[in-house]
Amino acid sequence: MSLPAPPAPLPPDLPVLAGQVVAVTGADQGYGRAVSARLARAGASVILIGGNSESLAAAASGLELAGGTAIPLKADVGVPLDWLSAQNRILEIFGALHGIVHLADKRAHTDFTLLSEGEWMDLFNCNVKSSVAIAQIVRRRLGGTWLTIVGPHLDEQGLHVFPQRGAIRGLVEHAHLEDLRVNLVLPSRASGGDEALDRPLGDAVLALAAPSLAHLRGVVLEVPLPPLPRVRPTEAEALLR
């Protein structure tokens, strides 16, 4: 398996998150990589959580080489006990967990009319169940820890996405009832894997994480992103058409 190239050296940035420890789920792919790099540039120690040890280690190594502080931690956050184990490990290493960025943006690869029960339950577990479980464990064990959820992309229009997005939005908008600092960002499209094009999402996550905006909770931000460049087919691909 070919691994993505490490990010470019981190440019000077205001260390608004200096001293903060932040966990990012799904950190070895998609928006997780862009968000992790943005938080690292702002001075946070970033814990990269995901399901692939090799890609997590590569992402963490890239951030370290670029001047950030990052450690990889394999865990399936769709399983509450797995997330709790990861959280305990973070507390053992750093003694604190100031914030969590949870990627709840798994997409379906099947049309709504053909979506099987198994595929639907996988989407529900990855996006909705995991968000509720993380919020619940934060409420029980980590008073003061903020949670920002990256929800289903706005360009995904299958009927199945609306109950997921609605459930997550409802959780966020009413989390203040449990004295939780939870916010939601909804990117306009799926990640293109280009940090420069995905940067507005990282900027939105960073803004919500800033200590100066700690009073914000229940915020839902729709984040417009520049369109991805069209990939021109290679000559070989054109001949196969």
C-alpha atoms as a PDB file:
ATOM      1  CA  MET A   1       0.000   0.000   0.000  1.00  0.00           C
ATOM      2  CA  SER A   2       1.410   3.386  -0.987  1.00  0.00           C
ATOM      3  CA  LEU A   3       1.382   5.960   1.799  1.00  0.00           C
ATOM      4  CA  PRO A   4       0.533   9.651   1.298  1.00  0.00           C
ATOM      5  CA  ALA A   5       3.393  12.110   1.252  1.00  0.00           C
ATOM      6  CA  PRO A   6       3.992  13.937   4.551  1.00  0.00           C
ATOM      7  CA  PRO A   7       2.610  17.463   4.821  1.00  0.00           C
ATOM      8  CA  ALA A   8       4.819  20.429   4.036  1.00  0.00           C
ATOM      9  CA  PRO A   9       6.707  22.063   6.939  1.00  0.00           C
ATOM     10  CA  LEU A  10       4.369  23.906   9.242  1.00  0.00           C
ATOM     11  CA  PRO A  11       4.407  27.663   8.590  1.00  0.00           C
ATOM     12  CA  PRO A  12       4.518  30.056  11.545  1.00  0.00           C
ATOM     13  CA  ASP A  13       1.088  30.367  13.115  1.00  0.00           C
ATOM     14  CA  LEU A  14      -0.441  31.901  16.209  1.00  0.00           C
ATOM     15  CA  PRO A  15      -0.181  29.246  18.957  1.00  0.00           C
ATOM     16  CA  VAL A  16      -3.802  29.711  20.061  1.00  0.00           C
ATOM     17  CA  LEU A  17      -3.990  26.080  21.183  1.00  0.00           C
ATOM     18  CA  ALA A  18      -0.607  25.913  22.909  1.00  0.00           C
ATOM     19  CA  GLY A  19      -0.813  23.522  25.843  1.00  0.00           C
ATOM     20  CA  GLN A  20      -3.994  21.858  24.607  1.00  0.00           C
ATOM     21  CA  VAL A  21      -4.298  18.131  23.950  1.00  0.00           C
ATOM     22  CA  VAL A  22      -6.764  17.356  21.151  1.00  0.00           C
ATOM     23  CA  ALA A  23      -7.900  13.977  19.795  1.00  0.00           C
ATOM     24  CA  VAL A  24      -8.968  13.704  16.149  1.00  0.00           C
ATOM     25  CA  THR A  25     -10.869  10.630  14.980  1.00  0.00           C
ATOM     26  CA  GLY A  26     -10.441   9.379  11.430  1.00  0.00           C
ATOM     27  CA  ALA A  27      -7.182  11.303  11.498  1.00  0.00           C
ATOM     28  CA  ASP A  28      -5.348   9.194   8.934  1.00  0.00           C
ATOM     29  CA  GLN A  29      -7.577  10.073   5.984  1.00  0.00           C
ATOM     30  CA  GLY A  30      -9.804  12.722   4.444  1.00  0.00           C
ATOM     31  CA  TYR A  31     -10.631  15.728   6.558  1.00  0.00           C
ATOM     32  CA  GLY A  32      -8.973  14.111   9.561  1.00  0.00           C
ATOM     33  CA  ARG A  33      -5.548  14.771   8.074  1.00  0.00           C
ATOM     34  CA  ALA A  34      -6.283  18.413   7.222  1.00  0.00           C
ATOM     35  CA  VAL A  35      -7.823  19.119  10.632  1.00  0.00           C
ATOM     36  CA  SER A  36      -4.943  17.441  12.479  1.00  0.00           C
ATOM     37  CA  ALA A  37      -2.382  19.516  10.583  1.00  0.00           C
ATOM     38  CA  ARG A  38      -4.324  22.733  11.278  1.00  0.00           C
ATOM     39  CA  LEU A  39      -4.541  22.016  15.011  1.00  0.00           C
ATOM     40  CA  ALA A  40      -0.848  21.103  15.158  1.00  0.00           C
ATOM     41  CA  ARG A  41       0.086  24.405  13.518  1.00  0.00           C
ATOM     42  CA  ALA A  42      -1.892  26.167  16.232  1.00  0.00           C
ATOM     43  CA  GLY A  43       0.244  24.528  18.923  1.00  0.00           C
ATOM     44  CA  ALA A  44      -1.935  21.618  20.033  1.00  0.00           C
ATOM     45  CA  SER A  45      -0.607  18.169  20.849  1.00  0.00           C
ATOM     46  CA  VAL A  46      -2.700  16.032  18.499  1.00  0.00           C
ATOM     47  CA  ILE A  47      -3.690  12.411  19.073  1.00  0.00           C
ATOM     48  CA  LEU A  48      -4.444  10.763  15.733  1.00  0.00           C
ATOM     49  CA  ILE A  49      -7.137   8.111  16.134  1.00  0.00           C
ATOM     50  CA  GLY A  50      -8.175   5.673  13.422  1.00  0.00           C
ATOM     51  CA  GLY A  51      -8.353   2.064  12.390  1.00  0.00           C
ATOM     52  CA  ASN A  52      -5.138   1.611  10.386  1.00  0.00           C
ATOM     53  CA  SER A  53      -1.927   1.520  12.429  1.00  0.00           C
ATOM     54  CA  GLU A  54       0.328   1.996   9.401  1.00  0.00           C
ATOM     55  CA  SER A  55      -1.400   5.076   7.996  1.00  0.00           C
ATOM     56  CA  LEU A  56      -1.791   6.571  11.481  1.00  0.00           C
ATOM     57  CA  ALA A  57       1.929   6.173  12.143  1.00  0.00           C
ATOM     58  CA  ALA A  58       2.759   7.745   8.764  1.00  0.00           C
ATOM     59  CA  ALA A  59       0.456  10.727   9.439  1.00  0.00           C
ATOM     60  CA  ALA A  60       1.909  11.245  12.922  1.00  0.00           C
ATOM     61  CA  SER A  61       5.456  11.012  11.611  1.00  0.00           C
ATOM     62  CA  GLY A  62       4.674  13.590   8.929  1.00  0.00           C
ATOM     63  CA  LEU A  63       3.307  16.060  11.479  1.00  0.00           C
ATOM     64  CA  GLU A  64       6.305  15.532  13.752  1.00  0.00           C
ATOM     65  CA  LEU A  65       8.730  16.114  10.877  1.00  0.00           C
ATOM     66  CA  ALA A  66       6.822  19.282  10.002  1.00  0.00           C
ATOM     67  CA  GLY A  67       7.273  20.615  13.524  1.00  0.00           C
ATOM     68  CA  GLY A  68       4.064  19.504  15.234  1.00  0.00           C
ATOM     69  CA  THR A  69       3.401  17.190  18.149  1.00  0.00           C
ATOM     70  CA  ALA A  70       1.370  14.091  17.299  1.00  0.00           C
ATOM     71  CA  ILE A  71       0.974  10.479  18.385  1.00  0.00           C
ATOM     72  CA  PRO A  72      -1.001   7.700  16.655  1.00  0.00           C
ATOM     73  CA  LEU A  73      -3.562   5.646  18.561  1.00  0.00           C
ATOM     74  CA  LYS A  74      -5.521   2.819  16.944  1.00  0.00           C
ATOM     75  CA  ALA A  75      -9.152   2.617  18.080  1.00  0.00           C
ATOM     76  CA  ASP A  76     -12.629   2.043  16.672  1.00  0.00           C
ATOM     77  CA  VAL A  77     -14.630   4.965  18.052  1.00  0.00           C
ATOM     78  CA  GLY A  78     -17.841   3.282  16.912  1.00  0.00           C
ATOM     79  CA  VAL A  79     -17.315   0.907  19.855  1.00  0.00           C
ATOM     80  CA  PRO A  80     -17.770   2.820  23.149  1.00  0.00           C
ATOM     81  CA  LEU A  81     -15.379   0.587  25.103  1.00  0.00           C
ATOM     82  CA  ASP A  82     -12.720   1.093  22.434  1.00  0.00           C
ATOM     83  CA  TRP A  83     -13.121   4.869  22.640  1.00  0.00           C
ATOM     84  CA  LEU A  84     -13.037   4.727  26.452  1.00  0.00           C
ATOM     85  CA  SER A  85      -9.806   2.719  26.317  1.00  0.00           C
ATOM     86  CA  ALA A  86      -8.268   5.272  23.920  1.00  0.00           C
ATOM     87  CA  GLN A  87      -9.387   8.127  26.143  1.00  0.00           C
ATOM     88  CA  ASN A  88      -7.815   6.496  29.200  1.00  0.00           C
ATOM     89  CA  ARG A  89      -4.578   6.008  27.270  1.00  0.00           C
ATOM     90  CA  ILE A  90      -4.517   9.713  26.345  1.00  0.00           C
ATOM     91  CA  LEU A  91      -5.004  10.682  29.980  1.00  0.00           C
ATOM     92  CA  GLU A  92      -2.170   8.348  31.009  1.00  0.00           C
ATOM     93  CA  ILE A  93       0.193  10.000  28.522  1.00  0.00           C
ATOM     94  CA  PHE A  94      -0.797  13.670  28.786  1.00  0.00           C
ATOM     95  CA  GLY A  95      -2.843  13.911  31.962  1.00  0.00           C
ATOM     96  CA  ALA A  96      -5.567  15.851  30.126  1.00  0.00           C
ATOM     97  CA  LEU A  97      -7.774  15.880  27.039  1.00  0.00           C
ATOM     98  CA  HIS A  98      -8.937  19.397  26.245  1.00  0.00           C
ATOM     99  CA  GLY A  99     -10.827  18.739  23.025  1.00  0.00           C
ATOM    100  CA  ILE A 100     -12.072  16.153  20.541  1.00  0.00           C
ATOM    101  CA  VAL A 101     -12.731  16.496  16.824  1.00  0.00           C
ATOM    102  CA  HIS A 102     -14.933  13.620  15.717  1.00  0.00           C
ATOM    103  CA  LEU A 103     -15.291  12.775  12.020  1.00  0.00           C
ATOM    104  CA  ALA A 104     -18.899  11.608  11.636  1.00  0.00           C
ATOM    105  CA  ASP A 105     -18.916  11.876   7.851  1.00  0.00           C
ATOM    106  CA  LYS A 106     -18.855   8.329   6.522  1.00  0.00           C
ATOM    107  CA  ARG A 107     -20.540   8.301   3.106  1.00  0.00           C
ATOM    108  CA  ALA A 108     -22.734   5.664   1.518  1.00  0.00           C
ATOM    109  CA  HIS A 109     -21.580   4.084  -1.732  1.00  0.00           C
ATOM    110  CA  THR A 110     -25.029   2.800  -2.607  1.00  0.00           C
ATOM    111  CA  ASP A 111     -28.139   4.577  -3.857  1.00  0.00           C
ATOM    112  CA  PHE A 112     -30.881   5.003  -1.247  1.00  0.00           C
ATOM    113  CA  THR A 113     -33.231   2.529  -2.917  1.00  0.00           C
ATOM    114  CA  LEU A 114     -30.539  -0.177  -2.897  1.00  0.00           C
ATOM    115  CA  LEU A 115     -29.082   0.545   0.550  1.00  0.00           C
ATOM    116  CA  SER A 116     -29.045  -2.671   2.570  1.00  0.00           C
ATOM    117  CA  GLU A 117     -29.850  -2.858   6.269  1.00  0.00           C
ATOM    118  CA  GLY A 118     -26.222  -3.718   6.990  1.00  0.00           C
ATOM    119  CA  GLU A 119     -24.942  -0.655   5.100  1.00  0.00           C
ATOM    120  CA  TRP A 120     -27.456   1.586   6.850  1.00  0.00           C
ATOM    121  CA  MET A 121     -26.478   0.279  10.300  1.00  0.00           C
ATOM    122  CA  ASP A 122     -22.811   0.809   9.453  1.00  0.00           C
ATOM    123  CA  LEU A 123     -23.525   4.443   8.526  1.00  0.00           C
ATOM    124  CA  PHE A 124     -25.620   4.932  11.670  1.00  0.00           C
ATOM    125  CA  ASN A 125     -22.941   3.412  13.921  1.00  0.00           C
ATOM    126  CA  CYS A 126     -20.070   5.365  12.362  1.00  0.00           C
ATOM    127  CA  ASN A 127     -21.844   8.729  12.275  1.00  0.00           C
ATOM    128  CA  VAL A 128     -24.649   8.891  14.849  1.00  0.00           C
ATOM    129  CA  LYS A 129     -24.004   6.222  17.479  1.00  0.00           C
ATOM    130  CA  SER A 130     -20.333   7.173  17.804  1.00  0.00           C
ATOM    131  CA  SER A 131     -21.191  10.883  18.233  1.00  0.00           C
ATOM    132  CA  VAL A 132     -23.684  10.148  21.006  1.00  0.00           C
ATOM    133  CA  ALA A 133     -21.301   7.729  22.734  1.00  0.00           C
ATOM    134  CA  ILE A 134     -18.378  10.180  22.701  1.00  0.00           C
ATOM    135  CA  ALA A 135     -20.575  12.985  24.047  1.00  0.00           C
ATOM    136  CA  GLN A 136     -21.915  10.696  26.772  1.00  0.00           C
ATOM    137  CA  ILE A 137     -18.458   9.597  27.917  1.00  0.00           C
ATOM    138  CA  VAL A 138     -17.213  13.198  27.869  1.00  0.00           C
ATOM    139  CA  ARG A 139     -20.160  14.185  30.066  1.00  0.00           C
ATOM    140  CA  ARG A 140     -19.427  11.398  32.533  1.00  0.00           C
ATOM    141  CA  ARG A 141     -15.669  11.681  32.761  1.00  0.00           C
ATOM    142  CA  LEU A 142     -14.268  14.847  31.163  1.00  0.00           C
ATOM    143  CA  GLY A 143     -16.029  17.955  32.393  1.00  0.00           C
ATOM    144  CA  GLY A 144     -14.884  20.968  30.385  1.00  0.00           C
ATOM    145  CA  THR A 145     -13.667  19.026  27.329  1.00  0.00           C
ATOM    146  CA  TRP A 146     -15.013  20.459  24.075  1.00  0.00           C
ATOM    147  CA  LEU A 147     -16.305  18.345  21.181  1.00  0.00           C
ATOM    148  CA  THR A 148     -16.547  19.438  17.563  1.00  0.00           C
ATOM    149  CA  ILE A 149     -18.251  17.061  15.144  1.00  0.00           C
ATOM    150  CA  VAL A 150     -17.600  17.066  11.401  1.00  0.00           C
ATOM    151  CA  GLY A 151     -20.938  15.892  10.039  1.00  0.00           C
ATOM    152  CA  PRO A 152     -22.177  14.411   6.762  1.00  0.00           C
ATOM    153  CA  HIS A 153     -21.159  16.472   3.749  1.00  0.00           C
ATOM    154  CA  LEU A 154     -23.736  18.802   2.261  1.00  0.00           C
ATOM    155  CA  ASP A 155     -23.171  17.466  -1.258  1.00  0.00           C
ATOM    156  CA  GLU A 156     -24.467  14.046  -0.210  1.00  0.00           C
ATOM    157  CA  GLN A 157     -28.176  14.144  -1.023  1.00  0.00           C
ATOM    158  CA  GLY A 158     -29.365  10.533  -0.680  1.00  0.00           C
ATOM    159  CA  LEU A 159     -32.454  10.282   1.501  1.00  0.00           C
ATOM    160  CA  HIS A 160     -30.548   8.229   4.072  1.00  0.00           C
ATOM    161  CA  VAL A 161     -28.239  11.164   4.912  1.00  0.00           C
ATOM    162  CA  PHE A 162     -31.005  13.410   6.255  1.00  0.00           C
ATOM    163  CA  PRO A 163     -31.889  11.365   9.364  1.00  0.00           C
ATOM    164  CA  GLN A 164     -28.176  11.079  10.161  1.00  0.00           C
ATOM    165  CA  ARG A 165     -27.532  14.798   9.759  1.00  0.00           C
ATOM    166  CA  GLY A 166     -30.713  15.640  11.654  1.00  0.00           C
ATOM    167  CA  ALA A 167     -29.847  13.356  14.576  1.00  0.00           C
ATOM    168  CA  ILE A 168     -26.348  14.803  14.916  1.00  0.00           C
ATOM    169  CA  ARG A 169     -27.668  18.345  14.609  1.00  0.00           C
ATOM    170  CA  GLY A 170     -30.243  17.675  17.324  1.00  0.00           C
ATOM    171  CA  LEU A 171     -27.538  16.322  19.620  1.00  0.00           C
ATOM    172  CA  VAL A 172     -25.383  19.404  19.080  1.00  0.00           C
ATOM    173  CA  GLU A 173     -28.150  21.980  19.445  1.00  0.00           C
ATOM    174  CA  HIS A 174     -29.357  20.486  22.739  1.00  0.00           C
ATOM    175  CA  ALA A 175     -26.024  19.438  24.270  1.00  0.00           C
ATOM    176  CA  HIS A 176     -26.076  22.556  26.459  1.00  0.00           C
ATOM    177  CA  LEU A 177     -28.782  20.835  28.509  1.00  0.00           C
ATOM    178  CA  GLU A 178     -26.019  18.540  29.773  1.00  0.00           C
ATOM    179  CA  ASP A 179     -23.544  21.419  30.111  1.00  0.00           C
ATOM    180  CA  LEU A 180     -21.567  20.181  27.108  1.00  0.00           C
ATOM    181  CA  ARG A 181     -19.584  22.367  24.706  1.00  0.00           C
ATOM    182  CA  VAL A 182     -20.463  20.670  21.416  1.00  0.00           C
ATOM    183  CA  ASN A 183     -20.475  22.248  17.954  1.00  0.00           C
ATOM    184  CA  LEU A 184     -20.958  20.962  14.416  1.00  0.00           C
ATOM    185  CA  VAL A 185     -19.330  21.770  11.082  1.00  0.00           C
ATOM    186  CA  LEU A 186     -20.843  20.608   7.803  1.00  0.00           C
ATOM    187  CA  PRO A 187     -18.434  20.723   4.839  1.00  0.00           C
ATOM    188  CA  SER A 188     -19.927  21.462   1.445  1.00  0.00           C
ATOM    189  CA  ARG A 189     -18.240  18.448  -0.148  1.00  0.00           C
ATOM    190  CA  ALA A 190     -16.103  15.408   0.548  1.00  0.00           C
ATOM    191  CA  SER A 191     -12.397  15.874   1.147  1.00  0.00           C
ATOM    192  CA  GLY A 192     -10.189  15.999  -1.910  1.00  0.00           C
ATOM    193  CA  GLY A 193      -7.050  15.094   0.023  1.00  0.00           C
ATOM    194  CA  ASP A 194      -5.492  18.491  -0.753  1.00  0.00           C
ATOM    195  CA  GLU A 195      -4.856  20.386   2.480  1.00  0.00           C
ATOM    196  CA  ALA A 196      -4.883  23.753   0.710  1.00  0.00           C
ATOM    197  CA  LEU A 197      -8.347  23.134  -0.789  1.00  0.00           C
ATOM    198  CA  ASP A 198      -9.676  21.659   2.476  1.00  0.00           C
ATOM    199  CA  ARG A 199      -8.181  24.392   4.665  1.00  0.00           C
ATOM    200  CA  PRO A 200     -11.473  26.296   5.289  1.00  0.00           C
ATOM    201  CA  LEU A 201     -12.777  23.317   7.222  1.00  0.00           C
ATOM    202  CA  GLY A 202      -9.648  23.236   9.389  1.00  0.00           C
ATOM    203  CA  ASP A 203     -10.011  26.970   9.973  1.00  0.00           C
ATOM    204  CA  ALA A 204     -13.619  26.489  11.150  1.00  0.00           C
ATOM    205  CA  VAL A 205     -12.622  23.701  13.540  1.00  0.00           C
ATOM    206  CA  LEU A 206      -9.757  25.803  14.885  1.00  0.00           C
ATOM    207  CA  ALA A 207     -12.039  28.808  15.457  1.00  0.00           C
ATOM    208  CA  LEU A 208     -14.477  26.704  17.488  1.00  0.00           C
ATOM    209  CA  ALA A 209     -11.566  25.269  19.506  1.00  0.00           C
ATOM    210  CA  ALA A 210     -10.087  28.650  20.424  1.00  0.00           C
ATOM    211  CA  PRO A 211     -10.229  29.363  24.179  1.00  0.00           C
ATOM    212  CA  SER A 212     -11.492  32.872  23.404  1.00  0.00           C
ATOM    213  CA  LEU A 213     -14.659  31.312  21.916  1.00  0.00           C
ATOM    214  CA  ALA A 214     -15.256  28.806  24.711  1.00  0.00           C
ATOM    215  CA  HIS A 215     -18.713  30.309  25.235  1.00  0.00           C
ATOM    216  CA  LEU A 216     -19.894  29.019  21.848  1.00  0.00           C
ATOM    217  CA  ARG A 217     -21.917  25.823  21.984  1.00  0.00           C
ATOM    218  CA  GLY A 218     -24.695  24.416  19.853  1.00  0.00           C
ATOM    219  CA  VAL A 219     -23.242  26.173  16.801  1.00  0.00           C
ATOM    220  CA  VAL A 220     -23.826  24.597  13.373  1.00  0.00           C
ATOM    221  CA  LEU A 221     -21.493  25.925  10.675  1.00  0.00           C
ATOM    222  CA  GLU A 222     -21.967  25.138   7.011  1.00  0.00           C
ATOM    223  CA  VAL A 223     -18.490  25.456   5.497  1.00  0.00           C
ATOM    224  CA  PRO A 224     -18.278  26.256   1.758  1.00  0.00           C
ATOM    225  CA  LEU A 225     -15.179  24.797   0.149  1.00  0.00           C
ATOM    226  CA  PRO A 226     -13.608  25.501  -3.233  1.00  0.00           C
ATOM    227  CA  PRO A 227     -14.502  22.941  -5.900  1.00  0.00           C
ATOM    228  CA  LEU A 228     -12.030  20.179  -6.555  1.00  0.00           C
ATOM    229  CA  PRO A 229     -10.121  20.368  -9.830  1.00  0.00           C
ATOM    230  CA  ARG A 230     -11.339  18.029 -12.520  1.00  0.00           C
ATOM    231  CA  VAL A 231      -9.022  15.122 -13.132  1.00  0.00           C
ATOM    232  CA  ARG A 232      -8.354  14.661 -16.810  1.00  0.00           C
ATOM    233  CA  PRO A 233      -8.354  10.994 -17.876  1.00  0.00           C
ATOM    234  CA  THR A 234      -5.031   9.532 -18.871  1.00  0.00           C
ATOM    235  CA  GLU A 235      -4.496   8.385 -22.430  1.00  0.00           C
ATOM    236  CA  ALA A 236      -4.798   4.754 -21.353  1.00  0.00           C
ATOM    237  CA  GLU A 237      -8.103   5.432 -19.577  1.00  0.00           C
ATOM    238  CA  ALA A 238      -9.424   7.269 -22.635  1.00  0.00           C
ATOM    239  CA  LEU A 239      -8.622   4.275 -24.874  1.00  0.00           C
ATOM    240  CA  LEU A 240     -10.555   1.950 -22.550  1.00  0.00           C
ATOM    241  CA  ARG A 241     -13.749   3.994 -22.880  1.00  0.00           C
END
